[in-house]
Amino acid sequence: MIAVHMTPVPRSVVVAYRDDGPLSKAMGLLVAGQIPPLPPALAGAFVTGILLVLGVAGAQDLAVLAPAVTLLLAGAGSSHRHDGRLDWLVPPVLRITEYGFVASAGFARHVWPPLVLVLLGAMAFHHYDTVYRVRQHVYPPPWLASAGLGWDGRMLVLAFGGLLGLMPVAFVLLAAYLWGLFCWESLTCWLAAPRVTVEPVEVGVPE
């Protein structure tokens, strides 16, 4: 297998799977990697889950921001090396919580269900593409997570959309932006990756 070093190799595969946005990364820098990533991720996901069950995603006031702000607790662990025995659980925890918030926010505000699925599909495509690329040593560029807003940025965009009463518009704009960004970046990256060619070998047949 050939490693493609068009971009720097991530310091940790698990960190590459987190998909942190600028806000989450900034929180991690504040603690300089001193906080283990799993406890704050579990705490943030637990409280966020309770808020979603209580219907906060459909609130008409500042309470709609609570799930996204609460999950930012997980940002404190973003700069850690994620070399603990159970640190591999952090990305799945973030994915489940983010997807749950998107679905809850969409259905609570009566967003057209296919539109909710389109946005979830854009995020799932990006996350699957990242996993597959890391396994093939075709590493995503460092700017991609920030350009894609990260899990924290995407949740905040939808939360502010709900606060302003523009949730369907937020879904449309975010889905269009993410599909365009992720498809373009993935396509250009894979086209630039070197391919391994296998030369045919002639096998002599004994006479």
N, C-alpha and C. Protein backbone atom coordinates (compact mmCIF):
# COMPACT_ATOMS: atom_id res chain seq x y z
N MET A 1 0.84 -1.19 0.00
CA MET A 1 0.00 0.00 0.00
C MET A 1 0.88 1.24 0.00
N ILE A 2 0.53 2.23 -0.80
CA ILE A 2 1.32 3.45 -0.91
C ILE A 2 0.68 4.54 -0.08
N ALA A 3 1.47 5.22 0.74
CA ALA A 3 0.97 6.32 1.55
C ALA A 3 1.04 7.61 0.74
N VAL A 4 -0.07 8.31 0.66
CA VAL A 4 -0.13 9.56 -0.08
C VAL A 4 0.07 10.71 0.90
N HIS A 5 1.16 11.44 0.74
CA HIS A 5 1.48 12.51 1.68
C HIS A 5 1.24 13.88 1.04
N MET A 6 0.11 14.02 0.36
CA MET A 6 -0.25 15.32 -0.17
C MET A 6 -0.56 16.29 0.97
N THR A 7 -0.97 15.75 2.11
CA THR A 7 -1.26 16.55 3.29
C THR A 7 -0.53 15.91 4.47
N PRO A 8 -0.31 16.66 5.54
CA PRO A 8 0.39 16.10 6.70
C PRO A 8 -0.34 14.90 7.28
N VAL A 9 0.42 13.93 7.76
CA VAL A 9 -0.17 12.77 8.41
C VAL A 9 -0.75 13.20 9.75
N PRO A 10 -2.01 12.86 10.05
CA PRO A 10 -2.60 13.26 11.33
C PRO A 10 -1.80 12.68 12.49
N ARG A 11 -1.76 13.44 13.59
CA ARG A 11 -1.01 12.96 14.75
C ARG A 11 -1.69 11.76 15.39
N SER A 12 -2.95 11.55 15.08
CA SER A 12 -3.69 10.40 15.59
C SER A 12 -4.85 10.13 14.65
N VAL A 13 -5.05 8.85 14.35
CA VAL A 13 -6.17 8.48 13.49
C VAL A 13 -7.50 8.85 14.15
N VAL A 14 -7.59 8.65 15.44
CA VAL A 14 -8.83 8.96 16.15
C VAL A 14 -9.13 10.46 16.09
N VAL A 15 -8.10 11.28 16.21
CA VAL A 15 -8.29 12.73 16.13
C VAL A 15 -8.83 13.11 14.75
N ALA A 16 -8.33 12.46 13.71
CA ALA A 16 -8.80 12.74 12.35
C ALA A 16 -10.28 12.39 12.19
N TYR A 17 -10.75 11.40 12.93
CA TYR A 17 -12.15 10.99 12.85
C TYR A 17 -13.08 11.92 13.62
N ARG A 18 -12.56 12.75 14.52
CA ARG A 18 -13.41 13.60 15.36
C ARG A 18 -14.19 14.63 14.55
N ASP A 19 -13.56 15.22 13.55
CA ASP A 19 -14.20 16.24 12.72
C ASP A 19 -14.54 17.49 13.54
N ASP A 20 -13.56 17.98 14.28
CA ASP A 20 -13.77 19.18 15.10
C ASP A 20 -13.76 20.43 14.24
N GLY A 21 -14.61 21.38 14.60
CA GLY A 21 -14.62 22.68 13.95
C GLY A 21 -13.72 23.66 14.69
N PRO A 22 -13.66 24.90 14.21
CA PRO A 22 -12.77 25.89 14.82
C PRO A 22 -13.05 26.12 16.31
N LEU A 23 -14.31 26.15 16.70
CA LEU A 23 -14.64 26.42 18.10
C LEU A 23 -14.18 25.29 19.01
N SER A 24 -14.42 24.06 18.58
CA SER A 24 -13.99 22.91 19.37
C SER A 24 -12.47 22.85 19.47
N LYS A 25 -11.79 23.13 18.36
CA LYS A 25 -10.33 23.12 18.38
C LYS A 25 -9.78 24.20 19.30
N ALA A 26 -10.42 25.36 19.30
CA ALA A 26 -9.96 26.45 20.17
C ALA A 26 -10.10 26.06 21.64
N MET A 27 -11.17 25.36 21.98
CA MET A 27 -11.35 24.92 23.36
C MET A 27 -10.27 23.92 23.74
N GLY A 28 -9.90 23.06 22.80
CA GLY A 28 -8.84 22.10 23.07
C GLY A 28 -7.49 22.76 23.29
N LEU A 29 -7.23 23.81 22.53
CA LEU A 29 -5.97 24.53 22.69
C LEU A 29 -5.86 25.21 24.05
N LEU A 30 -7.00 25.61 24.60
CA LEU A 30 -6.98 26.29 25.90
C LEU A 30 -6.45 25.40 27.01
N VAL A 31 -6.71 24.10 26.88
CA VAL A 31 -6.26 23.16 27.93
C VAL A 31 -5.01 22.40 27.52
N ALA A 32 -4.51 22.69 26.31
CA ALA A 32 -3.22 22.14 25.84
C ALA A 32 -3.15 20.62 25.93
N GLY A 33 -4.25 19.95 25.62
CA GLY A 33 -4.24 18.49 25.58
C GLY A 33 -4.15 17.81 26.92
N GLN A 34 -4.44 18.51 28.00
CA GLN A 34 -4.31 17.94 29.33
C GLN A 34 -5.56 17.19 29.80
N ILE A 35 -6.66 17.34 29.07
CA ILE A 35 -7.91 16.69 29.48
C ILE A 35 -8.16 15.47 28.61
N PRO A 36 -8.34 14.29 29.20
CA PRO A 36 -8.67 13.10 28.41
C PRO A 36 -9.96 13.33 27.62
N PRO A 37 -10.05 12.84 26.40
CA PRO A 37 -11.18 13.20 25.54
C PRO A 37 -12.49 12.49 25.84
N LEU A 38 -12.44 11.28 26.38
CA LEU A 38 -13.68 10.52 26.53
C LEU A 38 -14.63 11.07 27.60
N PRO A 39 -14.17 11.41 28.81
CA PRO A 39 -15.12 11.91 29.83
C PRO A 39 -15.91 13.14 29.40
N PRO A 40 -15.28 14.20 28.85
CA PRO A 40 -16.10 15.34 28.44
C PRO A 40 -17.03 15.03 27.28
N ALA A 41 -16.61 14.12 26.38
CA ALA A 41 -17.49 13.75 25.27
C ALA A 41 -18.72 13.01 25.78
N LEU A 42 -18.52 12.09 26.72
CA LEU A 42 -19.65 11.36 27.28
C LEU A 42 -20.56 12.28 28.08
N ALA A 43 -19.96 13.19 28.86
CA ALA A 43 -20.77 14.12 29.65
C ALA A 43 -21.60 15.02 28.75
N GLY A 44 -20.96 15.57 27.72
CA GLY A 44 -21.68 16.44 26.80
C GLY A 44 -22.78 15.71 26.06
N ALA A 45 -22.48 14.48 25.61
CA ALA A 45 -23.48 13.70 24.89
C ALA A 45 -24.65 13.33 25.80
N PHE A 46 -24.36 13.00 27.05
CA PHE A 46 -25.42 12.61 27.99
C PHE A 46 -26.38 13.77 28.24
N VAL A 47 -25.82 14.94 28.55
CA VAL A 47 -26.67 16.10 28.83
C VAL A 47 -27.42 16.53 27.57
N THR A 48 -26.73 16.49 26.43
CA THR A 48 -27.38 16.85 25.16
C THR A 48 -28.54 15.90 24.87
N GLY A 49 -28.32 14.61 25.11
CA GLY A 49 -29.38 13.64 24.88
C GLY A 49 -30.60 13.91 25.75
N ILE A 50 -30.37 14.26 27.01
CA ILE A 50 -31.50 14.58 27.90
C ILE A 50 -32.25 15.81 27.39
N LEU A 51 -31.51 16.82 26.95
CA LEU A 51 -32.15 18.03 26.43
C LEU A 51 -32.99 17.72 25.19
N LEU A 52 -32.48 16.84 24.33
CA LEU A 52 -33.24 16.50 23.13
C LEU A 52 -34.50 15.72 23.48
N VAL A 53 -34.40 14.83 24.45
CA VAL A 53 -35.58 14.08 24.89
C VAL A 53 -36.64 15.02 25.46
N LEU A 54 -36.18 16.07 26.12
CA LEU A 54 -37.11 17.05 26.70
C LEU A 54 -37.70 17.99 25.65
N GLY A 55 -37.24 17.87 24.41
CA GLY A 55 -37.82 18.67 23.34
C GLY A 55 -37.21 20.04 23.17
N VAL A 56 -35.99 20.23 23.68
CA VAL A 56 -35.37 21.55 23.59
C VAL A 56 -35.08 21.94 22.14
N ALA A 57 -34.88 20.94 21.27
CA ALA A 57 -34.57 21.25 19.87
C ALA A 57 -35.70 22.01 19.19
N GLY A 58 -36.90 21.91 19.73
CA GLY A 58 -38.03 22.62 19.14
C GLY A 58 -38.37 23.91 19.85
N ALA A 59 -37.52 24.34 20.79
CA ALA A 59 -37.80 25.57 21.55
C ALA A 59 -37.73 26.79 20.64
N GLN A 60 -38.46 27.83 21.03
CA GLN A 60 -38.51 29.05 20.24
C GLN A 60 -37.61 30.15 20.79
N ASP A 61 -36.88 29.87 21.87
CA ASP A 61 -36.04 30.89 22.49
C ASP A 61 -34.59 30.40 22.54
N LEU A 62 -33.79 31.03 23.38
CA LEU A 62 -32.37 30.70 23.47
C LEU A 62 -32.12 29.26 23.92
N ALA A 63 -33.14 28.61 24.46
CA ALA A 63 -32.96 27.23 24.90
C ALA A 63 -32.58 26.31 23.75
N VAL A 64 -32.91 26.69 22.52
CA VAL A 64 -32.58 25.85 21.37
C VAL A 64 -31.07 25.73 21.18
N LEU A 65 -30.33 26.68 21.74
CA LEU A 65 -28.87 26.63 21.64
C LEU A 65 -28.25 25.68 22.65
N ALA A 66 -29.02 25.28 23.66
CA ALA A 66 -28.47 24.51 24.77
C ALA A 66 -27.81 23.20 24.34
N PRO A 67 -28.43 22.38 23.47
CA PRO A 67 -27.76 21.12 23.10
C PRO A 67 -26.41 21.33 22.44
N ALA A 68 -26.33 22.28 21.51
CA ALA A 68 -25.06 22.52 20.81
C ALA A 68 -24.01 23.07 21.77
N VAL A 69 -24.41 23.98 22.63
CA VAL A 69 -23.46 24.57 23.58
C VAL A 69 -23.00 23.51 24.59
N THR A 70 -23.91 22.66 25.01
CA THR A 70 -23.56 21.62 25.99
C THR A 70 -22.55 20.64 25.42
N LEU A 71 -22.75 20.24 24.16
CA LEU A 71 -21.83 19.27 23.57
C LEU A 71 -20.44 19.86 23.37
N LEU A 72 -20.33 21.19 23.42
CA LEU A 72 -19.01 21.81 23.30
C LEU A 72 -18.08 21.40 24.43
N LEU A 73 -18.64 20.78 25.48
CA LEU A 73 -17.78 20.22 26.52
C LEU A 73 -16.76 19.25 25.91
N ALA A 74 -17.19 18.55 24.86
CA ALA A 74 -16.30 17.59 24.21
C ALA A 74 -15.13 18.26 23.54
N GLY A 75 -15.25 19.55 23.23
CA GLY A 75 -14.16 20.26 22.58
C GLY A 75 -12.92 20.36 23.43
N ALA A 76 -13.09 20.27 24.74
CA ALA A 76 -11.93 20.38 25.64
C ALA A 76 -10.93 19.26 25.41
N GLY A 77 -11.38 18.14 24.89
CA GLY A 77 -10.47 17.02 24.66
C GLY A 77 -9.93 16.93 23.25
N SER A 78 -10.22 17.93 22.41
CA SER A 78 -9.86 17.83 20.99
C SER A 78 -8.36 17.84 20.74
N SER A 79 -7.58 18.46 21.62
CA SER A 79 -6.13 18.54 21.40
C SER A 79 -5.37 17.39 22.04
N HIS A 80 -6.08 16.48 22.69
CA HIS A 80 -5.43 15.31 23.30
C HIS A 80 -5.00 14.34 22.21
N ARG A 81 -4.01 13.51 22.50
CA ARG A 81 -3.52 12.56 21.50
C ARG A 81 -4.48 11.40 21.24
N HIS A 82 -5.45 11.21 22.11
CA HIS A 82 -6.43 10.13 21.95
C HIS A 82 -5.73 8.77 21.89
N ASP A 83 -4.81 8.57 22.82
CA ASP A 83 -4.07 7.31 22.85
C ASP A 83 -4.50 6.42 24.00
N GLY A 84 -5.63 6.74 24.62
CA GLY A 84 -6.16 5.90 25.68
C GLY A 84 -6.84 4.66 25.13
N ARG A 85 -7.05 3.69 25.99
CA ARG A 85 -7.61 2.41 25.55
C ARG A 85 -9.01 2.56 24.98
N LEU A 86 -9.80 3.49 25.51
CA LEU A 86 -11.19 3.65 25.07
C LEU A 86 -11.42 4.95 24.31
N ASP A 87 -10.36 5.64 23.96
CA ASP A 87 -10.54 6.93 23.28
C ASP A 87 -11.13 6.78 21.88
N TRP A 88 -11.08 5.58 21.32
CA TRP A 88 -11.68 5.36 20.00
C TRP A 88 -13.20 5.53 20.05
N LEU A 89 -13.77 5.55 21.25
CA LEU A 89 -15.22 5.73 21.38
C LEU A 89 -15.65 7.18 21.15
N VAL A 90 -14.72 8.12 21.21
CA VAL A 90 -15.09 9.53 21.12
C VAL A 90 -15.75 9.88 19.79
N PRO A 91 -15.16 9.53 18.63
CA PRO A 91 -15.84 9.87 17.36
C PRO A 91 -17.25 9.30 17.24
N PRO A 92 -17.49 8.01 17.58
CA PRO A 92 -18.88 7.53 17.50
C PRO A 92 -19.83 8.29 18.42
N VAL A 93 -19.37 8.68 19.60
CA VAL A 93 -20.21 9.45 20.51
C VAL A 93 -20.58 10.80 19.88
N LEU A 94 -19.60 11.45 19.27
CA LEU A 94 -19.87 12.73 18.62
C LEU A 94 -20.80 12.57 17.43
N ARG A 95 -20.60 11.49 16.65
CA ARG A 95 -21.45 11.28 15.48
C ARG A 95 -22.90 11.05 15.89
N ILE A 96 -23.12 10.16 16.86
CA ILE A 96 -24.49 9.84 17.28
C ILE A 96 -25.19 11.08 17.82
N THR A 97 -24.46 11.87 18.61
CA THR A 97 -25.06 13.06 19.20
C THR A 97 -25.37 14.10 18.13
N GLU A 98 -24.44 14.31 17.21
CA GLU A 98 -24.68 15.29 16.15
C GLU A 98 -25.85 14.87 15.26
N TYR A 99 -25.86 13.61 14.83
CA TYR A 99 -26.95 13.14 13.98
C TYR A 99 -28.29 13.22 14.72
N GLY A 100 -28.26 12.88 16.01
CA GLY A 100 -29.49 12.95 16.80
C GLY A 100 -30.01 14.37 16.90
N PHE A 101 -29.10 15.33 17.06
CA PHE A 101 -29.53 16.73 17.14
C PHE A 101 -30.11 17.20 15.82
N VAL A 102 -29.46 16.85 14.71
CA VAL A 102 -29.95 17.26 13.40
C VAL A 102 -31.35 16.71 13.15
N ALA A 103 -31.52 15.42 13.43
CA ALA A 103 -32.84 14.81 13.21
C ALA A 103 -33.89 15.43 14.13
N SER A 104 -33.53 15.62 15.40
CA SER A 104 -34.49 16.19 16.35
C SER A 104 -34.87 17.61 15.97
N ALA A 105 -33.87 18.41 15.59
CA ALA A 105 -34.16 19.80 15.21
C ALA A 105 -35.03 19.86 13.97
N GLY A 106 -34.75 18.99 13.00
CA GLY A 106 -35.53 19.01 11.77
C GLY A 106 -36.97 18.58 11.99
N PHE A 107 -37.16 17.48 12.68
CA PHE A 107 -38.52 16.96 12.87
C PHE A 107 -39.32 17.83 13.84
N ALA A 108 -38.64 18.42 14.83
CA ALA A 108 -39.35 19.29 15.78
C ALA A 108 -39.86 20.56 15.10
N ARG A 109 -39.15 21.01 14.07
CA ARG A 109 -39.56 22.23 13.35
C ARG A 109 -40.29 21.91 12.05
N HIS A 110 -40.68 20.66 11.89
CA HIS A 110 -41.48 20.23 10.73
C HIS A 110 -40.76 20.50 9.41
N VAL A 111 -39.45 20.29 9.41
CA VAL A 111 -38.69 20.36 8.17
C VAL A 111 -39.06 19.16 7.31
N TRP A 112 -39.14 19.35 6.01
CA TRP A 112 -39.48 18.27 5.09
C TRP A 112 -38.53 17.10 5.33
N PRO A 113 -39.05 15.91 5.69
CA PRO A 113 -38.19 14.77 6.05
C PRO A 113 -37.09 14.44 5.04
N PRO A 114 -37.39 14.44 3.71
CA PRO A 114 -36.28 14.17 2.78
C PRO A 114 -35.14 15.18 2.89
N LEU A 115 -35.46 16.42 3.25
CA LEU A 115 -34.42 17.43 3.41
C LEU A 115 -33.55 17.11 4.62
N VAL A 116 -34.16 16.61 5.68
CA VAL A 116 -33.39 16.18 6.84
C VAL A 116 -32.43 15.07 6.45
N LEU A 117 -32.92 14.12 5.65
CA LEU A 117 -32.08 13.01 5.21
C LEU A 117 -30.96 13.49 4.29
N VAL A 118 -31.23 14.49 3.48
CA VAL A 118 -30.20 15.02 2.59
C VAL A 118 -29.04 15.61 3.40
N LEU A 119 -29.37 16.36 4.45
CA LEU A 119 -28.32 16.93 5.29
C LEU A 119 -27.56 15.84 6.04
N LEU A 120 -28.29 14.89 6.59
CA LEU A 120 -27.63 13.78 7.28
C LEU A 120 -26.75 12.99 6.31
N GLY A 121 -27.21 12.87 5.07
CA GLY A 121 -26.43 12.16 4.07
C GLY A 121 -25.12 12.86 3.76
N ALA A 122 -25.14 14.19 3.71
CA ALA A 122 -23.91 14.94 3.45
C ALA A 122 -22.89 14.71 4.55
N MET A 123 -23.35 14.72 5.79
CA MET A 123 -22.44 14.51 6.91
C MET A 123 -21.94 13.07 6.93
N ALA A 124 -22.84 12.12 6.68
CA ALA A 124 -22.44 10.71 6.68
C ALA A 124 -21.44 10.43 5.56
N PHE A 125 -21.65 11.04 4.39
CA PHE A 125 -20.72 10.87 3.28
C PHE A 125 -19.32 11.35 3.68
N HIS A 126 -19.27 12.52 4.29
CA HIS A 126 -17.98 13.08 4.71
C HIS A 126 -17.29 12.19 5.74
N HIS A 127 -18.04 11.71 6.70
CA HIS A 127 -17.44 10.90 7.75
C HIS A 127 -16.98 9.54 7.21
N TYR A 128 -17.77 8.94 6.33
CA TYR A 128 -17.35 7.67 5.73
C TYR A 128 -16.13 7.88 4.85
N ASP A 129 -16.14 8.96 4.08
CA ASP A 129 -15.01 9.26 3.20
C ASP A 129 -13.73 9.45 4.00
N THR A 130 -13.85 10.12 5.14
CA THR A 130 -12.68 10.34 5.99
C THR A 130 -12.13 9.02 6.52
N VAL A 131 -13.01 8.16 6.99
CA VAL A 131 -12.58 6.86 7.51
C VAL A 131 -11.88 6.05 6.41
N TYR A 132 -12.48 6.00 5.24
CA TYR A 132 -11.90 5.21 4.15
C TYR A 132 -10.57 5.79 3.70
N ARG A 133 -10.48 7.11 3.63
CA ARG A 133 -9.24 7.74 3.17
C ARG A 133 -8.11 7.52 4.16
N VAL A 134 -8.40 7.62 5.44
CA VAL A 134 -7.35 7.40 6.43
C VAL A 134 -6.85 5.96 6.35
N ARG A 135 -7.75 5.03 6.13
CA ARG A 135 -7.34 3.63 6.01
C ARG A 135 -6.46 3.41 4.78
N GLN A 136 -6.67 4.21 3.74
CA GLN A 136 -5.87 4.10 2.53
C GLN A 136 -4.66 5.04 2.55
N HIS A 137 -4.45 5.72 3.68
CA HIS A 137 -3.35 6.68 3.82
C HIS A 137 -3.48 7.85 2.85
N VAL A 138 -4.69 8.17 2.47
CA VAL A 138 -4.97 9.36 1.66
C VAL A 138 -5.61 10.37 2.61
N TYR A 139 -4.79 11.10 3.32
CA TYR A 139 -5.27 11.89 4.44
C TYR A 139 -5.99 13.16 4.00
N PRO A 140 -7.11 13.48 4.65
CA PRO A 140 -7.82 14.72 4.33
C PRO A 140 -6.99 15.93 4.75
N PRO A 141 -7.08 17.03 4.03
CA PRO A 141 -6.31 18.23 4.39
C PRO A 141 -6.78 18.80 5.72
N PRO A 142 -5.89 19.45 6.46
CA PRO A 142 -6.27 19.99 7.78
C PRO A 142 -7.39 21.01 7.73
N TRP A 143 -7.52 21.73 6.60
CA TRP A 143 -8.53 22.78 6.53
C TRP A 143 -9.94 22.24 6.31
N LEU A 144 -10.06 20.97 5.94
CA LEU A 144 -11.37 20.45 5.55
C LEU A 144 -12.37 20.46 6.70
N ALA A 145 -11.93 20.05 7.88
CA ALA A 145 -12.86 20.02 9.02
C ALA A 145 -13.36 21.42 9.35
N SER A 146 -12.46 22.41 9.27
CA SER A 146 -12.88 23.78 9.56
C SER A 146 -13.81 24.31 8.48
N ALA A 147 -13.48 24.02 7.21
CA ALA A 147 -14.34 24.48 6.12
C ALA A 147 -15.71 23.82 6.20
N GLY A 148 -15.74 22.58 6.67
CA GLY A 148 -17.02 21.88 6.85
C GLY A 148 -17.73 22.25 8.14
N LEU A 149 -17.17 23.22 8.87
CA LEU A 149 -17.73 23.78 10.10
C LEU A 149 -17.57 22.88 11.31
N GLY A 150 -17.22 21.61 11.10
CA GLY A 150 -17.09 20.70 12.23
C GLY A 150 -18.45 20.36 12.82
N TRP A 151 -18.47 19.35 13.68
CA TRP A 151 -19.74 18.98 14.32
C TRP A 151 -20.29 20.14 15.14
N ASP A 152 -19.39 20.90 15.76
CA ASP A 152 -19.83 22.01 16.60
C ASP A 152 -20.44 23.13 15.77
N GLY A 153 -19.80 23.48 14.67
CA GLY A 153 -20.31 24.56 13.83
C GLY A 153 -21.63 24.21 13.18
N ARG A 154 -21.76 22.96 12.71
CA ARG A 154 -23.01 22.56 12.06
C ARG A 154 -24.18 22.59 13.03
N MET A 155 -23.94 22.14 14.25
CA MET A 155 -25.01 22.17 15.25
C MET A 155 -25.41 23.61 15.59
N LEU A 156 -24.43 24.49 15.68
CA LEU A 156 -24.72 25.88 16.01
C LEU A 156 -25.46 26.58 14.88
N VAL A 157 -25.12 26.25 13.63
CA VAL A 157 -25.83 26.85 12.49
C VAL A 157 -27.31 26.50 12.55
N LEU A 158 -27.61 25.23 12.80
CA LEU A 158 -29.01 24.82 12.89
C LEU A 158 -29.69 25.42 14.11
N ALA A 159 -28.95 25.52 15.22
CA ALA A 159 -29.54 26.10 16.43
C ALA A 159 -29.91 27.56 16.20
N PHE A 160 -29.02 28.31 15.57
CA PHE A 160 -29.33 29.71 15.28
C PHE A 160 -30.45 29.82 14.24
N GLY A 161 -30.49 28.87 13.31
CA GLY A 161 -31.59 28.85 12.36
C GLY A 161 -32.92 28.68 13.05
N GLY A 162 -32.95 27.80 14.06
CA GLY A 162 -34.17 27.62 14.83
C GLY A 162 -34.51 28.85 15.65
N LEU A 163 -33.49 29.49 16.21
CA LEU A 163 -33.72 30.68 17.03
C LEU A 163 -34.32 31.81 16.20
N LEU A 164 -33.90 31.90 14.94
CA LEU A 164 -34.39 32.96 14.05
C LEU A 164 -35.66 32.56 13.31
N GLY A 165 -36.13 31.33 13.55
CA GLY A 165 -37.32 30.87 12.85
C GLY A 165 -37.07 30.52 11.40
N LEU A 166 -35.82 30.18 11.07
CA LEU A 166 -35.44 29.89 9.68
C LEU A 166 -34.85 28.49 9.56
N MET A 167 -35.38 27.55 10.31
CA MET A 167 -34.81 26.21 10.31
C MET A 167 -34.82 25.56 8.92
N PRO A 168 -35.93 25.60 8.15
CA PRO A 168 -35.88 25.00 6.81
C PRO A 168 -34.82 25.64 5.92
N VAL A 169 -34.68 26.96 6.01
CA VAL A 169 -33.66 27.65 5.22
C VAL A 169 -32.27 27.20 5.64
N ALA A 170 -32.06 27.06 6.94
CA ALA A 170 -30.76 26.61 7.44
C ALA A 170 -30.44 25.21 6.93
N PHE A 171 -31.44 24.34 6.89
CA PHE A 171 -31.22 22.99 6.38
C PHE A 171 -30.84 23.02 4.90
N VAL A 172 -31.55 23.82 4.12
CA VAL A 172 -31.28 23.88 2.68
C VAL A 172 -29.87 24.42 2.42
N LEU A 173 -29.55 25.54 3.03
CA LEU A 173 -28.24 26.16 2.79
C LEU A 173 -27.10 25.28 3.28
N LEU A 174 -27.27 24.70 4.46
CA LEU A 174 -26.20 23.87 5.02
C LEU A 174 -26.01 22.60 4.19
N ALA A 175 -27.10 21.98 3.77
CA ALA A 175 -26.99 20.76 2.96
C ALA A 175 -26.32 21.05 1.63
N ALA A 176 -26.72 22.13 0.97
CA ALA A 176 -26.13 22.48 -0.32
C ALA A 176 -24.64 22.78 -0.18
N TYR A 177 -24.30 23.52 0.86
CA TYR A 177 -22.89 23.88 1.08
C TYR A 177 -22.04 22.64 1.36
N LEU A 178 -22.52 21.77 2.25
CA LEU A 178 -21.73 20.61 2.64
C LEU A 178 -21.59 19.61 1.49
N TRP A 179 -22.67 19.37 0.76
CA TRP A 179 -22.55 18.44 -0.37
C TRP A 179 -21.57 18.98 -1.40
N GLY A 180 -21.66 20.28 -1.70
CA GLY A 180 -20.74 20.86 -2.67
C GLY A 180 -19.30 20.78 -2.21
N LEU A 181 -19.05 21.14 -0.96
CA LEU A 181 -17.69 21.14 -0.43
C LEU A 181 -17.11 19.73 -0.36
N PHE A 182 -17.85 18.81 0.25
CA PHE A 182 -17.31 17.47 0.48
C PHE A 182 -17.13 16.70 -0.82
N CYS A 183 -18.08 16.83 -1.75
CA CYS A 183 -17.94 16.11 -3.02
C CYS A 183 -16.77 16.67 -3.84
N TRP A 184 -16.66 17.99 -3.88
CA TRP A 184 -15.56 18.61 -4.64
C TRP A 184 -14.21 18.22 -4.05
N GLU A 185 -14.07 18.33 -2.75
CA GLU A 185 -12.77 18.04 -2.13
C GLU A 185 -12.42 16.56 -2.25
N SER A 186 -13.40 15.69 -2.05
CA SER A 186 -13.14 14.26 -2.14
C SER A 186 -12.75 13.87 -3.56
N LEU A 187 -13.47 14.40 -4.54
CA LEU A 187 -13.18 14.07 -5.94
C LEU A 187 -11.78 14.53 -6.33
N THR A 188 -11.44 15.77 -6.01
CA THR A 188 -10.12 16.28 -6.39
C THR A 188 -9.00 15.53 -5.66
N CYS A 189 -9.25 15.14 -4.42
CA CYS A 189 -8.22 14.42 -3.67
C CYS A 189 -7.98 13.04 -4.26
N TRP A 190 -9.06 12.31 -4.56
CA TRP A 190 -8.89 10.96 -5.08
C TRP A 190 -8.30 10.98 -6.49
N LEU A 191 -8.64 12.00 -7.28
CA LEU A 191 -8.06 12.09 -8.62
C LEU A 191 -6.57 12.39 -8.56
N ALA A 192 -6.14 13.10 -7.51
CA ALA A 192 -4.72 13.44 -7.37
C ALA A 192 -3.91 12.32 -6.74
N ALA A 193 -4.58 11.36 -6.13
CA ALA A 193 -3.85 10.28 -5.45
C ALA A 193 -3.22 9.36 -6.48
N PRO A 194 -1.95 8.98 -6.29
CA PRO A 194 -1.30 8.06 -7.23
C PRO A 194 -1.94 6.69 -7.19
N ARG A 195 -1.96 6.06 -8.31
CA ARG A 195 -2.54 4.73 -8.41
C ARG A 195 -1.45 3.69 -8.52
N VAL A 196 -1.74 2.54 -7.97
CA VAL A 196 -0.80 1.43 -8.04
C VAL A 196 -1.15 0.58 -9.25
N THR A 197 -0.21 0.42 -10.15
CA THR A 197 -0.44 -0.40 -11.34
C THR A 197 0.35 -1.69 -11.22
N VAL A 198 -0.25 -2.74 -11.65
CA VAL A 198 0.38 -4.06 -11.59
C VAL A 198 0.75 -4.48 -13.00
N GLU A 199 2.05 -4.69 -13.23
CA GLU A 199 2.51 -5.11 -14.54
C GLU A 199 2.19 -6.58 -14.76
N PRO A 200 1.71 -6.91 -15.95
CA PRO A 200 1.42 -8.32 -16.22
C PRO A 200 2.70 -9.15 -16.24
N VAL A 201 2.62 -10.33 -15.73
CA VAL A 201 3.77 -11.23 -15.67
C VAL A 201 3.51 -12.42 -16.57
N GLU A 202 4.45 -12.65 -17.48
CA GLU A 202 4.31 -13.78 -18.39
C GLU A 202 4.81 -15.05 -17.70
N VAL A 203 3.99 -16.02 -17.72
CA VAL A 203 4.35 -17.30 -17.11
C VAL A 203 4.63 -18.29 -18.22
N GLY A 204 5.84 -18.78 -18.22
CA GLY A 204 6.21 -19.73 -19.25
C GLY A 204 5.57 -21.09 -19.04
N VAL A 205 5.14 -21.71 -20.12
CA VAL A 205 4.55 -23.04 -20.04
C VAL A 205 5.60 -24.06 -20.46
N PRO A 206 5.94 -24.96 -19.57
CA PRO A 206 6.97 -25.95 -19.93
C PRO A 206 6.53 -26.80 -21.11
N GLU A 207 7.47 -27.05 -22.01
CA GLU A 207 7.16 -27.85 -23.20
C GLU A 207 7.38 -29.33 -22.92
